[in-house]
Amino acid sequence: MAGIRTILAGVFTGLGVLFGLPWFVLWTILTGRPDLMYRVSMKFCRMAYLLAGVRVQIEGLDHIPSKPCIFAANHASNLDPLILLPSIPRRAAIFAKRSLFRIPIFATGMRLAGFIPVDRGGKDAARGIARAEQHLREGTSVAIFPEGTRSADGRLHPLKKGAFAIAMKAEVPVVPVSIAGTQKLLRRGEWIVRPGSAKIRFGRPVDASHTKSREGLLSEIEALIAAGLPLDQQPQ
């Protein structure tokens, strides 16, 4: 049954990309406004994970500041971006694997939405950081998984410094985000989404403009993300 629901969610998403997204891409190109395309895409994401049997509980929306910020989340499953972005109550850019930008139509939509293609390390990472800083200065928030890669065991692993360098340079708040339960719904190495519940908890923001140490900011956000996770996802 889980496999059937996953296939249905995949077919639904594919049809949306093939027959719906091109019109919103055209609208965005003509108007220069990606908000409509983004809102509709987020609704599609919600419907896709609901078709797969995933229920998402959201806590701490009142902690999200009104100004642009960085959402720094743990990364336990490939399901995380699909449920995180629709849970953020405004448009947010996100770092995405460069390989996704090779998919026709989908890639154009991601670029128009301001998503940031990146591979690990090298000049590509530097360009991604510069692009994120630009988004923040222009008023668009950015979502980042600062572990740098998906956790192999579902636990929070040490964060990398890039996200916090961006926050300090752009002088924006960092919102710690704890994503719980997704590692059980879409397990590493599997394609079937298992029905169940996940939780997204937005913690209190930390103002990077008042922080002198990048390492100190990293440690504080890491502790706040960990505090919002269940014991089986906290660092060992």
Protein backbone atom coordinates (compact mmCIF):
# COMPACT_ATOMS: atom_id res chain seq x y z
CA MET A 1 0.00 0.00 0.00
CA ALA A 2 2.84 2.41 0.84
CA GLY A 3 4.38 1.74 -2.56
CA ILE A 4 1.09 2.48 -4.34
CA ARG A 5 0.66 5.74 -2.43
CA THR A 6 4.24 6.73 -3.28
CA ILE A 7 3.64 6.04 -6.96
CA LEU A 8 0.41 8.07 -6.90
CA ALA A 9 2.24 10.98 -5.28
CA GLY A 10 4.99 10.71 -7.89
CA VAL A 11 2.54 10.61 -10.80
CA PHE A 12 0.65 13.58 -9.35
CA THR A 13 3.88 15.56 -9.05
CA GLY A 14 5.02 14.60 -12.54
CA LEU A 15 1.73 15.64 -14.12
CA GLY A 16 1.89 18.94 -12.27
CA VAL A 17 5.39 19.62 -13.57
CA LEU A 18 4.51 18.62 -17.15
CA PHE A 19 1.11 20.26 -17.57
CA GLY A 20 0.83 22.92 -14.87
CA LEU A 21 4.28 24.33 -14.22
CA PRO A 22 4.95 25.56 -17.80
CA TRP A 23 2.05 28.00 -17.57
CA PHE A 24 3.27 29.41 -14.26
CA VAL A 25 6.81 29.63 -15.63
CA LEU A 26 5.47 31.63 -18.57
CA TRP A 27 3.49 33.87 -16.22
CA THR A 28 6.58 34.46 -14.11
CA ILE A 29 8.70 35.33 -17.14
CA LEU A 30 6.07 37.77 -18.45
CA THR A 31 5.38 39.48 -15.12
CA GLY A 32 8.73 39.08 -13.38
CA ARG A 33 6.84 37.93 -10.28
CA PRO A 34 7.51 34.38 -9.04
CA ASP A 35 5.18 34.51 -6.01
CA LEU A 36 2.13 32.95 -7.72
CA MET A 37 4.21 30.10 -9.17
CA TYR A 38 5.82 29.54 -5.78
CA ARG A 39 2.53 29.49 -3.84
CA VAL A 40 0.93 27.02 -6.25
CA SER A 41 4.06 24.82 -6.18
CA MET A 42 3.95 24.71 -2.39
CA LYS A 43 0.31 23.61 -2.50
CA PHE A 44 1.32 20.83 -4.90
CA CYS A 45 4.04 19.76 -2.46
CA ARG A 46 1.50 19.56 0.37
CA MET A 47 -0.91 17.54 -1.75
CA ALA A 48 1.92 15.21 -2.86
CA TYR A 49 3.03 14.33 0.64
CA LEU A 50 -0.58 13.98 1.80
CA LEU A 51 -1.17 11.51 -1.06
CA ALA A 52 1.86 9.59 0.21
CA GLY A 53 0.24 9.43 3.66
CA VAL A 54 2.53 11.93 5.38
CA ARG A 55 1.06 14.21 8.04
CA VAL A 56 3.08 17.25 9.15
CA GLN A 57 2.73 18.96 12.51
CA ILE A 58 4.15 22.48 12.64
CA GLU A 59 5.16 24.32 15.81
CA GLY A 60 6.66 27.72 16.52
CA LEU A 61 5.41 29.74 13.54
CA ASP A 62 5.18 32.73 15.88
CA HIS A 63 8.99 32.59 16.25
CA ILE A 64 9.55 33.49 12.59
CA PRO A 65 10.63 37.13 12.28
CA SER A 66 8.91 39.44 9.80
CA LYS A 67 12.18 40.39 8.11
CA PRO A 68 14.33 38.13 5.88
CA CYS A 69 16.11 35.37 7.75
CA ILE A 70 17.97 32.11 7.37
CA PHE A 71 16.11 28.91 8.26
CA ALA A 72 18.77 26.43 9.44
CA ALA A 73 17.40 22.88 9.63
CA ASN A 74 18.70 19.39 10.32
CA HIS A 75 18.61 17.01 7.35
CA ALA A 76 17.48 13.47 8.15
CA SER A 77 15.76 12.45 4.90
CA ASN A 78 15.27 13.38 1.25
CA LEU A 79 11.71 14.15 2.30
CA ASP A 80 12.85 17.20 4.31
CA PRO A 81 12.80 19.89 1.58
CA LEU A 82 9.37 18.72 0.40
CA ILE A 83 7.83 19.34 3.82
CA LEU A 84 10.00 22.23 5.04
CA LEU A 85 9.41 24.78 2.26
CA PRO A 86 5.57 24.54 2.33
CA SER A 87 5.72 24.98 6.11
CA ILE A 88 7.49 28.35 5.84
CA PRO A 89 4.75 31.02 5.58
CA ARG A 90 6.53 33.04 2.89
CA ARG A 91 8.74 32.49 -0.13
CA ALA A 92 12.18 31.15 0.66
CA ALA A 93 15.09 30.22 -1.57
CA ILE A 94 16.88 26.97 -0.84
CA PHE A 95 20.17 25.33 -1.79
CA ALA A 96 19.46 22.41 -4.13
CA LYS A 97 21.65 19.80 -5.81
CA ARG A 98 22.91 20.97 -9.20
CA SER A 99 21.70 17.69 -10.73
CA LEU A 100 18.09 18.81 -10.17
CA PHE A 101 18.74 21.79 -12.44
CA ARG A 102 19.15 19.43 -15.39
CA ILE A 103 15.44 18.49 -15.33
CA PRO A 104 13.58 20.37 -18.10
CA ILE A 105 10.85 22.82 -17.00
CA PHE A 106 11.43 21.96 -13.34
CA ALA A 107 14.87 23.56 -13.52
CA THR A 108 13.47 26.74 -15.06
CA GLY A 109 10.88 26.98 -12.30
CA MET A 110 13.53 26.54 -9.61
CA ARG A 111 15.74 29.24 -11.11
CA LEU A 112 12.83 31.67 -11.39
CA ALA A 113 11.95 30.96 -7.75
CA GLY A 114 15.51 31.85 -6.76
CA PHE A 115 16.65 28.36 -5.76
CA ILE A 116 20.41 28.04 -5.57
CA PRO A 117 22.26 25.26 -7.44
CA VAL A 118 25.27 23.98 -5.56
CA ASP A 119 27.67 21.06 -5.39
CA ARG A 120 29.85 20.39 -2.39
CA GLY A 121 32.99 22.51 -2.14
CA GLY A 122 34.85 24.53 -4.76
CA LYS A 123 33.82 27.64 -6.65
CA ASP A 124 30.23 26.44 -6.93
CA ALA A 125 29.82 26.73 -3.16
CA ALA A 126 31.29 30.24 -3.18
CA ARG A 127 28.82 31.31 -5.88
CA GLY A 128 25.99 29.80 -3.89
CA ILE A 129 26.96 31.74 -0.79
CA ALA A 130 27.10 34.99 -2.79
CA ARG A 131 23.68 34.25 -4.29
CA ALA A 132 22.19 33.58 -0.84
CA GLU A 133 23.55 36.89 0.47
CA GLN A 134 21.98 38.67 -2.50
CA HIS A 135 18.58 37.04 -1.83
CA LEU A 136 18.66 38.14 1.79
CA ARG A 137 19.54 41.71 0.92
CA GLU A 138 16.69 41.78 -1.61
CA GLY A 139 14.18 40.59 1.00
CA THR A 140 13.94 36.83 0.34
CA SER A 141 14.63 34.39 3.14
CA VAL A 142 16.91 31.38 2.62
CA ALA A 143 16.52 27.80 3.87
CA ILE A 144 19.72 25.84 4.48
CA PHE A 145 20.61 22.36 5.74
CA PRO A 146 23.92 23.31 7.40
CA GLU A 147 25.02 19.72 8.06
CA GLY A 148 26.03 19.85 4.40
CA THR A 149 24.52 16.47 3.56
CA ARG A 150 21.78 14.13 4.68
CA SER A 151 22.36 12.33 7.97
CA ALA A 152 23.14 8.63 7.57
CA ASP A 153 21.45 7.66 10.85
CA GLY A 154 18.83 10.38 11.34
CA ARG A 155 20.81 12.05 14.12
CA LEU A 156 21.98 15.65 14.00
CA HIS A 157 25.63 15.86 12.96
CA PRO A 158 28.07 18.79 13.29
CA LEU A 159 27.07 21.86 11.32
CA LYS A 160 29.27 23.53 8.74
CA LYS A 161 30.18 27.22 8.94
CA GLY A 162 28.89 28.48 5.58
CA ALA A 163 25.33 29.29 6.66
CA PHE A 164 26.55 31.29 9.63
CA ALA A 165 29.08 33.24 7.59
CA ILE A 166 26.17 34.24 5.32
CA ALA A 167 24.04 35.26 8.32
CA MET A 168 26.75 37.41 9.87
CA LYS A 169 27.67 39.10 6.60
CA ALA A 170 24.02 39.83 5.71
CA GLU A 171 23.22 40.65 9.37
CA VAL A 172 20.00 38.61 9.43
CA PRO A 173 18.43 36.38 12.10
CA VAL A 174 18.93 32.62 12.02
CA VAL A 175 15.86 30.51 12.81
CA PRO A 176 16.76 27.03 14.10
CA VAL A 177 14.46 24.39 12.58
CA SER A 178 14.12 20.88 14.01
CA ILE A 179 12.67 18.27 11.63
CA ALA A 180 11.64 15.09 13.41
CA GLY A 181 10.50 11.73 12.08
CA THR A 182 11.25 12.01 8.35
CA GLN A 183 14.09 9.47 8.56
CA LYS A 184 11.44 6.83 9.38
CA LEU A 185 9.12 7.87 6.54
CA LEU A 186 11.66 7.91 3.72
CA ARG A 187 14.65 5.84 4.72
CA ARG A 188 18.10 6.23 3.24
CA GLY A 189 18.47 4.12 0.09
CA GLU A 190 14.72 3.57 -0.31
CA TRP A 191 12.16 5.18 -2.63
CA ILE A 192 8.96 4.18 -0.85
CA VAL A 193 7.47 6.79 1.49
CA ARG A 194 5.97 5.15 4.55
CA PRO A 195 2.75 6.75 5.86
CA GLY A 196 3.19 8.49 9.20
CA SER A 197 3.81 11.78 10.98
CA ALA A 198 6.63 14.28 10.91
CA LYS A 199 7.11 17.39 13.00
CA ILE A 200 8.68 20.72 12.11
CA ARG A 201 9.56 23.00 15.00
CA PHE A 202 10.69 26.58 14.40
CA GLY A 203 12.80 27.78 17.32
CA ARG A 204 13.45 31.29 18.55
CA PRO A 205 15.65 33.25 16.12
CA VAL A 206 19.19 34.25 16.94
CA ASP A 207 20.21 37.70 15.70
CA ALA A 208 23.47 37.25 13.79
CA SER A 209 24.06 41.02 13.68
CA HIS A 210 24.70 40.94 17.44
CA THR A 211 27.06 37.96 17.25
CA LYS A 212 30.81 38.50 17.05
CA SER A 213 31.87 34.87 16.63
CA ARG A 214 30.82 32.64 13.76
CA GLU A 215 31.75 29.60 15.84
CA GLY A 216 29.62 30.88 18.71
CA LEU A 217 26.63 31.38 16.43
CA LEU A 218 27.10 27.89 14.98
CA SER A 219 27.25 26.31 18.44
CA GLU A 220 24.13 28.15 19.61
CA ILE A 221 22.06 27.18 16.58
CA GLU A 222 23.30 23.58 16.75
CA ALA A 223 22.19 23.36 20.38
CA LEU A 224 18.78 24.87 19.59
CA ILE A 225 18.15 22.48 16.69
CA ALA A 226 19.15 19.53 18.89
CA ALA A 227 16.86 20.69 21.70
CA GLY A 228 13.86 20.47 19.36
CA LEU A 229 14.60 16.91 18.28
CA PRO A 230 13.56 13.63 19.92
CA LEU A 231 16.28 11.69 21.75
CA ASP A 232 16.86 9.28 18.86
CA GLN A 233 17.78 12.19 16.58
CA GLN A 234 19.92 14.18 18.97
CA PRO A 235 23.73 14.02 18.62
CA GLN A 236 25.37 11.11 20.37
